[in-house]
PDB file of N, CA and C in Angstrom:
ATOM      1  N   MET A   1    -144.570 -50.849 -49.645  1.00  0.00           N
ATOM      2  CA  MET A   1    -144.305 -51.689 -48.496  1.00  0.00           C
ATOM      3  C   MET A   1    -145.580 -51.797 -47.673  1.00  0.00           C
ATOM      4  N   LEU A   2    -145.853 -52.993 -47.193  1.00  0.00           N
ATOM      5  CA  LEU A   2    -146.998 -53.230 -46.325  1.00  0.00           C
ATOM      6  C   LEU A   2    -146.493 -53.406 -44.902  1.00  0.00           C
ATOM      7  N   SER A   3    -147.275 -52.952 -43.931  1.00  0.00           N
ATOM      8  CA  SER A   3    -146.884 -53.148 -42.529  1.00  0.00           C
ATOM      9  C   SER A   3    -148.058 -53.755 -41.765  1.00  0.00           C
ATOM     10  N   PHE A   4    -147.728 -54.503 -40.715  1.00  0.00           N
ATOM     11  CA  PHE A   4    -148.732 -55.197 -39.917  1.00  0.00           C
ATOM     12  C   PHE A   4    -148.401 -55.036 -38.443  1.00  0.00           C
ATOM     13  N   LYS A   5    -149.420 -55.003 -37.602  1.00  0.00           N
ATOM     14  CA  LYS A   5    -149.223 -54.942 -36.158  1.00  0.00           C
ATOM     15  C   LYS A   5    -149.458 -56.317 -35.572  1.00  0.00           C
ATOM     16  N   VAL A   6    -148.628 -56.681 -34.604  1.00  0.00           N
ATOM     17  CA  VAL A   6    -148.798 -57.952 -33.905  1.00  0.00           C
ATOM     18  C   VAL A   6    -149.986 -57.800 -32.965  1.00  0.00           C
ATOM     19  N   THR A   7    -150.858 -58.803 -32.963  1.00  0.00           N
ATOM     20  CA  THR A   7    -152.061 -58.772 -32.139  1.00  0.00           C
ATOM     21  C   THR A   7    -152.234 -60.102 -31.420  1.00  0.00           C
ATOM     22  N   THR A   8    -153.107 -60.142 -30.451  1.00  0.00           N
ATOM     23  CA  THR A   8    -153.397 -61.373 -29.731  1.00  0.00           C
ATOM     24  C   THR A   8    -154.400 -62.200 -30.530  1.00  0.00           C
ATOM     25  N   VAL A   9    -154.084 -63.491 -30.689  1.00  0.00           N
ATOM     26  CA  VAL A   9    -154.968 -64.436 -31.371  1.00  0.00           C
ATOM     27  C   VAL A   9    -155.110 -65.612 -30.422  1.00  0.00           C
ATOM     28  N   GLY A  10    -156.205 -65.626 -29.644  1.00  0.00           N
ATOM     29  CA  GLY A  10    -156.361 -66.666 -28.622  1.00  0.00           C
ATOM     30  C   GLY A  10    -155.272 -66.506 -27.576  1.00  0.00           C
ATOM     31  N   ALA A  11    -154.530 -67.586 -27.312  1.00  0.00           N
ATOM     32  CA  ALA A  11    -153.440 -67.547 -26.342  1.00  0.00           C
ATOM     33  C   ALA A  11    -152.098 -67.274 -27.024  1.00  0.00           C
ATOM     34  N   SER A  12    -152.131 -66.955 -28.314  1.00  0.00           N
ATOM     35  CA  SER A  12    -150.907 -66.722 -29.088  1.00  0.00           C
ATOM     36  C   SER A  12    -150.885 -65.292 -29.608  1.00  0.00           C
ATOM     37  N   ALA A  13    -149.846 -64.988 -30.361  1.00  0.00           N
ATOM     38  CA  ALA A  13    -149.750 -63.694 -31.026  1.00  0.00           C
ATOM     39  C   ALA A  13    -149.715 -63.935 -32.521  1.00  0.00           C
ATOM     40  N   GLY A  14    -150.186 -62.994 -33.289  1.00  0.00           N
ATOM     41  CA  GLY A  14    -150.184 -63.141 -34.731  1.00  0.00           C
ATOM     42  C   GLY A  14    -150.398 -61.792 -35.385  1.00  0.00           C
ATOM     43  N   PHE A  15    -150.519 -61.802 -36.688  1.00  0.00           N
ATOM     44  CA  PHE A  15    -150.857 -60.581 -37.398  1.00  0.00           C
ATOM     45  C   PHE A  15    -151.873 -60.910 -38.465  1.00  0.00           C
ATOM     46  N   ILE A  16    -152.648 -59.908 -38.820  1.00  0.00           N
ATOM     47  CA  ILE A  16    -153.727 -60.063 -39.779  1.00  0.00           C
ATOM     48  C   ILE A  16    -153.235 -59.585 -41.144  1.00  0.00           C
ATOM     49  N   LEU A  17    -153.413 -60.412 -42.168  1.00  0.00           N
ATOM     50  CA  LEU A  17    -153.054 -60.013 -43.527  1.00  0.00           C
ATOM     51  C   LEU A  17    -154.221 -59.265 -44.149  1.00  0.00           C
ATOM     52  N   THR A  18    -153.937 -58.140 -44.748  1.00  0.00           N
ATOM     53  CA  THR A  18    -154.970 -57.400 -45.463  1.00  0.00           C
ATOM     54  C   THR A  18    -155.301 -58.127 -46.769  1.00  0.00           C
ATOM     55  N   LYS A  19    -156.401 -57.740 -47.376  1.00  0.00           N
ATOM     56  CA  LYS A  19    -156.768 -58.333 -48.670  1.00  0.00           C
ATOM     57  C   LYS A  19    -155.667 -58.087 -49.690  1.00  0.00           C
ATOM     58  N   GLU A  20    -155.058 -56.902 -49.653  1.00  0.00           N
ATOM     59  CA  GLU A  20    -153.977 -56.580 -50.588  1.00  0.00           C
ATOM     60  C   GLU A  20    -152.779 -57.501 -50.375  1.00  0.00           C
ATOM     61  N   ALA A  21    -152.403 -57.738 -49.111  1.00  0.00           N
ATOM     62  CA  ALA A  21    -151.273 -58.616 -48.820  1.00  0.00           C
ATOM     63  C   ALA A  21    -151.573 -60.042 -49.261  1.00  0.00           C
ATOM     64  N   MET A  22    -152.784 -60.515 -49.006  1.00  0.00           N
ATOM     65  CA  MET A  22    -153.159 -61.869 -49.425  1.00  0.00           C
ATOM     66  C   MET A  22    -153.131 -61.993 -50.936  1.00  0.00           C
ATOM     67  N   SER A  23    -153.568 -60.964 -51.620  1.00  0.00           N
ATOM     68  CA  SER A  23    -153.557 -60.974 -53.075  1.00  0.00           C
ATOM     69  C   SER A  23    -152.120 -61.014 -53.603  1.00  0.00           C
ATOM     70  N   ARG A  24    -151.246 -60.200 -53.029  1.00  0.00           N
ATOM     71  CA  ARG A  24    -149.845 -60.175 -53.461  1.00  0.00           C
ATOM     72  C   ARG A  24    -149.147 -61.507 -53.206  1.00  0.00           C
ATOM     73  N   LEU A  25    -149.473 -62.147 -52.073  1.00  0.00           N
ATOM     74  CA  LEU A  25    -148.872 -63.446 -51.749  1.00  0.00           C
ATOM     75  C   LEU A  25    -149.528 -64.587 -52.525  1.00  0.00           C
ATOM     76  N   GLY A  26    -150.727 -64.357 -53.009  1.00  0.00           N
ATOM     77  CA  GLY A  26    -151.446 -65.415 -53.723  1.00  0.00           C
ATOM     78  C   GLY A  26    -151.986 -66.472 -52.780  1.00  0.00           C
ATOM     79  N   VAL A  27    -152.417 -66.037 -51.579  1.00  0.00           N
ATOM     80  CA  VAL A  27    -152.939 -66.975 -50.589  1.00  0.00           C
ATOM     81  C   VAL A  27    -154.390 -66.645 -50.279  1.00  0.00           C
ATOM     82  N   LYS A  28    -155.061 -67.635 -49.684  1.00  0.00           N
ATOM     83  CA  LYS A  28    -156.432 -67.437 -49.236  1.00  0.00           C
ATOM     84  C   LYS A  28    -156.545 -67.955 -47.811  1.00  0.00           C
ATOM     85  N   LYS A  29    -157.652 -67.708 -47.184  1.00  0.00           N
ATOM     86  CA  LYS A  29    -157.866 -68.137 -45.804  1.00  0.00           C
ATOM     87  C   LYS A  29    -157.646 -69.647 -45.694  1.00  0.00           C
ATOM     88  N   GLY A  30    -156.864 -70.048 -44.698  1.00  0.00           N
ATOM     89  CA  GLY A  30    -156.583 -71.465 -44.479  1.00  0.00           C
ATOM     90  C   GLY A  30    -155.258 -71.920 -45.071  1.00  0.00           C
ATOM     91  N   ASP A  31    -154.665 -71.128 -45.974  1.00  0.00           N
ATOM     92  CA  ASP A  31    -153.361 -71.481 -46.547  1.00  0.00           C
ATOM     93  C   ASP A  31    -152.258 -71.313 -45.501  1.00  0.00           C
ATOM     94  N   THR A  32    -151.142 -71.966 -45.721  1.00  0.00           N
ATOM     95  CA  THR A  32    -149.975 -71.841 -44.856  1.00  0.00           C
ATOM     96  C   THR A  32    -148.974 -70.912 -45.517  1.00  0.00           C
ATOM     97  N   VAL A  33    -148.379 -70.029 -44.724  1.00  0.00           N
ATOM     98  CA  VAL A  33    -147.287 -69.182 -45.214  1.00  0.00           C
ATOM     99  C   VAL A  33    -146.054 -69.492 -44.375  1.00  0.00           C
ATOM    100  N   TYR A  34    -144.888 -69.228 -44.915  1.00  0.00           N
ATOM    101  CA  TYR A  34    -143.627 -69.578 -44.278  1.00  0.00           C
ATOM    102  C   TYR A  34    -142.790 -68.323 -44.074  1.00  0.00           C
ATOM    103  N   LEU A  35    -142.203 -68.207 -42.905  1.00  0.00           N
ATOM    104  CA  LEU A  35    -141.309 -67.106 -42.584  1.00  0.00           C
ATOM    105  C   LEU A  35    -139.900 -67.677 -42.594  1.00  0.00           C
ATOM    106  N   THR A  36    -139.089 -67.238 -43.547  1.00  0.00           N
ATOM    107  CA  THR A  36    -137.735 -67.764 -43.669  1.00  0.00           C
ATOM    108  C   THR A  36    -136.730 -66.640 -43.460  1.00  0.00           C
ATOM    109  N   GLU A  37    -135.584 -67.002 -42.902  1.00  0.00           N
ATOM    110  CA  GLU A  37    -134.528 -66.027 -42.677  1.00  0.00           C
ATOM    111  C   GLU A  37    -133.729 -65.844 -43.965  1.00  0.00           C
ATOM    112  N   THR A  38    -133.403 -64.611 -44.270  1.00  0.00           N
ATOM    113  CA  THR A  38    -132.618 -64.306 -45.465  1.00  0.00           C
ATOM    114  C   THR A  38    -131.142 -64.197 -45.094  1.00  0.00           C
ATOM    115  N   PRO A  39    -130.246 -64.332 -46.056  1.00  0.00           N
ATOM    116  CA  PRO A  39    -128.810 -64.273 -45.770  1.00  0.00           C
ATOM    117  C   PRO A  39    -128.364 -62.972 -45.094  1.00  0.00           C
ATOM    118  N   ASP A  40    -129.083 -61.876 -45.339  1.00  0.00           N
ATOM    119  CA  ASP A  40    -128.696 -60.595 -44.742  1.00  0.00           C
ATOM    120  C   ASP A  40    -129.261 -60.386 -43.341  1.00  0.00           C
ATOM    121  N   GLY A  41    -129.893 -61.427 -42.770  1.00  0.00           N
ATOM    122  CA  GLY A  41    -130.427 -61.350 -41.409  1.00  0.00           C
ATOM    123  C   GLY A  41    -131.872 -60.904 -41.332  1.00  0.00           C
ATOM    124  N   GLY A  42    -132.472 -60.606 -42.465  1.00  0.00           N
ATOM    125  CA  GLY A  42    -133.883 -60.229 -42.497  1.00  0.00           C
ATOM    126  C   GLY A  42    -134.770 -61.459 -42.590  1.00  0.00           C
ATOM    127  N   TYR A  43    -136.043 -61.245 -42.853  1.00  0.00           N
ATOM    128  CA  TYR A  43    -136.994 -62.343 -42.976  1.00  0.00           C
ATOM    129  C   TYR A  43    -137.828 -62.169 -44.232  1.00  0.00           C
ATOM    130  N   ARG A  44    -138.326 -63.280 -44.734  1.00  0.00           N
ATOM    131  CA  ARG A  44    -139.142 -63.293 -45.944  1.00  0.00           C
ATOM    132  C   ARG A  44    -140.402 -64.096 -45.655  1.00  0.00           C
ATOM    133  N   LEU A  45    -141.549 -63.559 -46.013  1.00  0.00           N
ATOM    134  CA  LEU A  45    -142.828 -64.246 -45.865  1.00  0.00           C
ATOM    135  C   LEU A  45    -143.223 -64.763 -47.236  1.00  0.00           C
ATOM    136  N   THR A  46    -143.449 -66.072 -47.345  1.00  0.00           N
ATOM    137  CA  THR A  46    -143.733 -66.677 -48.642  1.00  0.00           C
ATOM    138  C   THR A  46    -144.746 -67.813 -48.504  1.00  0.00           C
ATOM    139  N   PRO A  47    -145.547 -68.052 -49.553  1.00  0.00           N
ATOM    140  CA  PRO A  47    -146.466 -69.188 -49.518  1.00  0.00           C
ATOM    141  C   PRO A  47    -145.788 -70.490 -49.936  1.00  0.00           C
ATOM    142  N   TYR A  48    -144.512 -70.426 -50.303  1.00  0.00           N
ATOM    143  CA  TYR A  48    -143.809 -71.610 -50.796  1.00  0.00           C
ATOM    144  C   TYR A  48    -142.977 -72.244 -49.697  1.00  0.00           C
ATOM    145  N   ASP A  49    -143.118 -73.556 -49.528  1.00  0.00           N
ATOM    146  CA  ASP A  49    -142.389 -74.307 -48.507  1.00  0.00           C
ATOM    147  C   ASP A  49    -140.933 -74.460 -48.948  1.00  0.00           C
ATOM    148  N   PRO A  50    -139.993 -73.828 -48.244  1.00  0.00           N
ATOM    149  CA  PRO A  50    -138.598 -73.898 -48.663  1.00  0.00           C
ATOM    150  C   PRO A  50    -138.028 -75.317 -48.581  1.00  0.00           C
ATOM    151  N   ASP A  51    -138.503 -76.133 -47.640  1.00  0.00           N
ATOM    152  CA  ASP A  51    -138.033 -77.516 -47.543  1.00  0.00           C
ATOM    153  C   ASP A  51    -138.469 -78.316 -48.765  1.00  0.00           C
ATOM    154  N   PHE A  52    -139.701 -78.094 -49.219  1.00  0.00           N
ATOM    155  CA  PHE A  52    -140.195 -78.794 -50.401  1.00  0.00           C
ATOM    156  C   PHE A  52    -139.386 -78.385 -51.631  1.00  0.00           C
ATOM    157  N   ALA A  53    -139.068 -77.105 -51.734  1.00  0.00           N
ATOM    158  CA  ALA A  53    -138.277 -76.637 -52.874  1.00  0.00           C
ATOM    159  C   ALA A  53    -136.907 -77.304 -52.890  1.00  0.00           C
ATOM    160  N   ARG A  54    -136.268 -77.432 -51.722  1.00  0.00           N
ATOM    161  CA  ARG A  54    -134.967 -78.106 -51.656  1.00  0.00           C
ATOM    162  C   ARG A  54    -135.097 -79.577 -52.038  1.00  0.00           C
ATOM    163  N   GLN A  55    -136.154 -80.234 -51.566  1.00  0.00           N
ATOM    164  CA  GLN A  55    -136.366 -81.645 -51.889  1.00  0.00           C
ATOM    165  C   GLN A  55    -136.574 -81.832 -53.383  1.00  0.00           C
ATOM    166  N   MET A  56    -137.335 -80.937 -54.010  1.00  0.00           N
ATOM    167  CA  MET A  56    -137.574 -81.046 -55.447  1.00  0.00           C
ATOM    168  C   MET A  56    -136.291 -80.789 -56.237  1.00  0.00           C
ATOM    169  N   ALA A  57    -135.481 -79.849 -55.794  1.00  0.00           N
ATOM    170  CA  ALA A  57    -134.212 -79.580 -56.479  1.00  0.00           C
ATOM    171  C   ALA A  57    -133.307 -80.797 -56.403  1.00  0.00           C
ATOM    172  N   LEU A  58    -133.266 -81.444 -55.246  1.00  0.00           N
ATOM    173  CA  LEU A  58    -132.464 -82.655 -55.082  1.00  0.00           C
ATOM    174  C   LEU A  58    -133.006 -83.778 -55.961  1.00  0.00           C
ATOM    175  N   ALA A  59    -134.330 -83.943 -55.994  1.00  0.00           N
ATOM    176  CA  ALA A  59    -134.940 -84.987 -56.820  1.00  0.00           C
ATOM    177  C   ALA A  59    -134.631 -84.753 -58.302  1.00  0.00           C
ATOM    178  N   GLU A  60    -134.716 -83.510 -58.738  1.00  0.00           N
ATOM    179  CA  GLU A  60    -134.413 -83.207 -60.144  1.00  0.00           C
ATOM    180  C   GLU A  60    -132.950 -83.500 -60.463  1.00  0.00           C
ATOM    181  N   GLU A  61    -132.058 -83.206 -59.539  1.00  0.00           N
ATOM    182  CA  GLU A  61    -130.632 -83.500 -59.749  1.00  0.00           C
ATOM    183  C   GLU A  61    -130.403 -85.005 -59.858  1.00  0.00           C
ATOM    184  N   ILE A  62    -131.037 -85.759 -58.980  1.00  0.00           N
ATOM    185  CA  ILE A  62    -130.898 -87.223 -59.010  1.00  0.00           C
ATOM    186  C   ILE A  62    -131.462 -87.778 -60.308  1.00  0.00           C
ATOM    187  N   MET A  63    -132.640 -87.289 -60.706  1.00  0.00           N
ATOM    188  CA  MET A  63    -133.247 -87.775 -61.947  1.00  0.00           C
ATOM    189  C   MET A  63    -132.371 -87.445 -63.147  1.00  0.00           C
ATOM    190  N   HIS A  64    -131.721 -86.300 -63.128  1.00  0.00           N
ATOM    191  CA  HIS A  64    -130.842 -85.932 -64.235  1.00  0.00           C
ATOM    192  C   HIS A  64    -129.596 -86.807 -64.242  1.00  0.00           C
ATOM    193  N   ASP A  65    -128.960 -86.947 -63.078  1.00  0.00           N
ATOM    194  CA  ASP A  65    -127.708 -87.702 -62.987  1.00  0.00           C
ATOM    195  C   ASP A  65    -127.898 -89.193 -63.247  1.00  0.00           C
ATOM    196  N   ASP A  66    -129.039 -89.742 -62.838  1.00  0.00           N
ATOM    197  CA  ASP A  66    -129.279 -91.185 -62.942  1.00  0.00           C
ATOM    198  C   ASP A  66    -130.370 -91.505 -63.955  1.00  0.00           C
ATOM    199  N   ARG A  67    -130.513 -90.683 -65.001  1.00  0.00           N
ATOM    200  CA  ARG A  67    -131.617 -90.881 -65.943  1.00  0.00           C
ATOM    201  C   ARG A  67    -131.548 -92.219 -66.667  1.00  0.00           C
ATOM    202  N   GLU A  68    -130.357 -92.711 -66.951  1.00  0.00           N
ATOM    203  CA  GLU A  68    -130.241 -94.012 -67.641  1.00  0.00           C
ATOM    204  C   GLU A  68    -130.717 -95.137 -66.733  1.00  0.00           C
ATOM    205  N   ILE A  69    -130.345 -95.106 -65.478  1.00  0.00           N
ATOM    206  CA  ILE A  69    -130.785 -96.127 -64.522  1.00  0.00           C
ATOM    207  C   ILE A  69    -132.298 -96.063 -64.376  1.00  0.00           C
ATOM    208  N   LEU A  70    -132.830 -94.879 -64.244  1.00  0.00           N
ATOM    209  CA  LEU A  70    -134.281 -94.723 -64.087  1.00  0.00           C
ATOM    210  C   LEU A  70    -135.022 -95.192 -65.335  1.00  0.00           C
ATOM    211  N   ARG A  71    -134.456 -94.955 -66.509  1.00  0.00           N
ATOM    212  CA  ARG A  71    -135.084 -95.380 -67.759  1.00  0.00           C
ATOM    213  C   ARG A  71    -135.162 -96.917 -67.791  1.00  0.00           C
ATOM    214  N   VAL A  72    -134.090 -97.608 -67.370  1.00  0.00           N
ATOM    215  CA  VAL A  72    -134.085 -99.077 -67.343  1.00  0.00           C
ATOM    216  C   VAL A  72    -135.088 -99.593 -66.318  1.00  0.00           C
ATOM    217  N   LEU A  73    -135.135 -98.957 -65.158  1.00  0.00           N
ATOM    218  CA  LEU A  73    -136.066 -99.395 -64.109  1.00  0.00           C
ATOM    219  C   LEU A  73    -137.530 -99.173 -64.506  1.00  0.00           C
ATOM    220  N   ALA A  74    -137.786 -98.198 -65.345  1.00  0.00           N
ATOM    221  CA  ALA A  74    -139.163 -97.895 -65.754  1.00  0.00           C
ATOM    222  C   ALA A  74    -139.722 -98.923 -66.721  1.00  0.00           C
ATOM    223  N   LYS A  75    -138.864 -99.716 -67.323  1.00  0.00           N
ATOM    224  CA  LYS A  75    -139.340-100.717 -68.301  1.00  0.00           C
ATOM    225  C   LYS A  75    -139.907-101.931 -67.649  1.00  0.00           C
TER     226      LYS A  75
END
């Protein structure tokens, strides 16, 4: 388990990721990370945009359900 202390960053608060944490997350300086709430009331820090994942899942469902229509439109 990794732990971080909240610190002042300009007029805001933040925390510093260690090299080990950045390596585990697969992020580099300048990347965006997302803090999402888990069903058990905890939080998860991830480099993956949960909204984008939902949009892609919906798009894949639509493409699967309407593949014949899309095939005709592609011609």
